[in-house]
Amino acid sequence: MCIAIPAKVININGDYAFVDIMGVESSINIQLIEKVNVGDYVLVHAGCGIQKIDINYFNYLQEVLKETLKSED
């Protein structure tokens, strides 16, 4: 199964962005997404940003992931 994780872009340096993924900062490649800006929300898979998403979908996905992780305990 493949999964994409929602992230918020906090800094951009060329083809790479630093993102916040549920409180964890990570560097991702953003070459697959057009016109990424600081503050945008993106889906991340295998270290690459694959799609911009809106704030509502970002919040929904974070809640789903939190509930999923909670049920694993």
C-alpha atoms as a PDB file:
ATOM      1  CA  MET A   1       0.000   0.000   0.000  1.00  0.00           C
ATOM      2  CA  CYS A   2       1.243   3.491  -0.817  1.00  0.00           C
ATOM      3  CA  ILE A   3       0.328   6.509   1.236  1.00  0.00           C
ATOM      4  CA  ALA A   4       0.870  10.228   0.797  1.00  0.00           C
ATOM      5  CA  ILE A   5       1.270  12.385   3.896  1.00  0.00           C
ATOM      6  CA  PRO A   6      -0.040  15.963   4.189  1.00  0.00           C
ATOM      7  CA  ALA A   7       2.576  18.637   4.920  1.00  0.00           C
ATOM      8  CA  LYS A   8       2.854  22.407   5.179  1.00  0.00           C
ATOM      9  CA  VAL A   9       5.664  24.166   3.294  1.00  0.00           C
ATOM     10  CA  ILE A  10       7.750  26.286   5.689  1.00  0.00           C
ATOM     11  CA  ASN A  11      10.781  27.169   3.548  1.00  0.00           C
ATOM     12  CA  ILE A  12      11.889  26.746  -0.071  1.00  0.00           C
ATOM     13  CA  ASN A  13      15.427  26.396  -1.396  1.00  0.00           C
ATOM     14  CA  GLY A  14      15.504  25.769  -5.152  1.00  0.00           C
ATOM     15  CA  ASP A  15      13.997  22.384  -5.972  1.00  0.00           C
ATOM     16  CA  TYR A  16      13.634  21.496  -2.281  1.00  0.00           C
ATOM     17  CA  ALA A  17      11.253  22.577   0.440  1.00  0.00           C
ATOM     18  CA  PHE A  18      11.346  22.171   4.173  1.00  0.00           C
ATOM     19  CA  VAL A  19       7.948  20.994   5.334  1.00  0.00           C
ATOM     20  CA  ASP A  20       6.174  20.384   8.611  1.00  0.00           C
ATOM     21  CA  ILE A  21       4.659  16.912   8.786  1.00  0.00           C
ATOM     22  CA  MET A  22       2.646  16.687  11.996  1.00  0.00           C
ATOM     23  CA  GLY A  23       5.354  18.520  13.939  1.00  0.00           C
ATOM     24  CA  VAL A  24       8.341  16.887  12.234  1.00  0.00           C
ATOM     25  CA  GLU A  25      10.384  18.982   9.794  1.00  0.00           C
ATOM     26  CA  SER A  26      11.634  17.270   6.665  1.00  0.00           C
ATOM     27  CA  SER A  27      13.233  18.200   3.357  1.00  0.00           C
ATOM     28  CA  ILE A  28      11.370  17.138   0.212  1.00  0.00           C
ATOM     29  CA  ASN A  29      11.860  17.506  -3.522  1.00  0.00           C
ATOM     30  CA  ILE A  30       9.219  19.774  -5.094  1.00  0.00           C
ATOM     31  CA  GLN A  31      10.081  19.484  -8.795  1.00  0.00           C
ATOM     32  CA  LEU A  32       6.805  17.670  -9.553  1.00  0.00           C
ATOM     33  CA  ILE A  33       4.623  20.565  -8.347  1.00  0.00           C
ATOM     34  CA  GLU A  34       4.193  23.878 -10.169  1.00  0.00           C
ATOM     35  CA  LYS A  35       4.495  27.154  -8.269  1.00  0.00           C
ATOM     36  CA  VAL A  36       4.951  25.960  -4.697  1.00  0.00           C
ATOM     37  CA  ASN A  37       5.015  28.773  -2.137  1.00  0.00           C
ATOM     38  CA  VAL A  38       5.754  29.016   1.567  1.00  0.00           C
ATOM     39  CA  GLY A  39       2.499  28.333   3.391  1.00  0.00           C
ATOM     40  CA  ASP A  40       1.153  25.922   0.748  1.00  0.00           C
ATOM     41  CA  TYR A  41      -0.105  22.480   1.729  1.00  0.00           C
ATOM     42  CA  VAL A  42       1.175  19.482  -0.213  1.00  0.00           C
ATOM     43  CA  LEU A  43       0.994  15.715  -0.314  1.00  0.00           C
ATOM     44  CA  VAL A  44       4.352  13.978   0.201  1.00  0.00           C
ATOM     45  CA  HIS A  45       5.240  10.491  -0.997  1.00  0.00           C
ATOM     46  CA  ALA A  46       8.719   8.943  -0.828  1.00  0.00           C
ATOM     47  CA  GLY A  47      10.399  12.296  -0.162  1.00  0.00           C
ATOM     48  CA  CYS A  48       8.699  14.090  -3.040  1.00  0.00           C
ATOM     49  CA  GLY A  49       5.902  16.614  -3.074  1.00  0.00           C
ATOM     50  CA  ILE A  50       3.336  15.236  -5.491  1.00  0.00           C
ATOM     51  CA  GLN A  51       0.344  17.596  -5.308  1.00  0.00           C
ATOM     52  CA  LYS A  52      -0.857  20.833  -3.729  1.00  0.00           C
ATOM     53  CA  ILE A  53      -3.966  20.528  -1.554  1.00  0.00           C
ATOM     54  CA  ASP A  54      -6.248  23.017   0.178  1.00  0.00           C
ATOM     55  CA  ILE A  55      -6.431  23.657   3.934  1.00  0.00           C
ATOM     56  CA  ASN A  56      -9.692  21.718   4.339  1.00  0.00           C
ATOM     57  CA  TYR A  57      -8.285  18.534   2.791  1.00  0.00           C
ATOM     58  CA  PHE A  58      -5.026  19.015   4.751  1.00  0.00           C
ATOM     59  CA  ASN A  59      -6.961  19.187   8.042  1.00  0.00           C
ATOM     60  CA  TYR A  60      -9.104  16.192   7.102  1.00  0.00           C
ATOM     61  CA  LEU A  61      -6.075  14.040   6.257  1.00  0.00           C
ATOM     62  CA  GLN A  62      -4.286  15.009   9.482  1.00  0.00           C
ATOM     63  CA  GLU A  63      -7.324  13.974  11.534  1.00  0.00           C
ATOM     64  CA  VAL A  64      -7.578  10.652   9.680  1.00  0.00           C
ATOM     65  CA  LEU A  65      -3.883   9.955  10.296  1.00  0.00           C
ATOM     66  CA  LYS A  66      -4.140  10.879  13.991  1.00  0.00           C
ATOM     67  CA  GLU A  67      -7.146   8.566  14.430  1.00  0.00           C
ATOM     68  CA  THR A  68      -5.381   5.781  12.572  1.00  0.00           C
ATOM     69  CA  LEU A  69      -2.265   6.114  14.709  1.00  0.00           C
ATOM     70  CA  LYS A  70      -4.365   6.257  17.873  1.00  0.00           C
ATOM     71  CA  SER A  71      -6.151   3.020  16.967  1.00  0.00           C
ATOM     72  CA  GLU A  72      -2.788   1.263  16.547  1.00  0.00           C
ATOM     73  CA  ASP A  73      -2.005   1.663  20.287  1.00  0.00           C
END
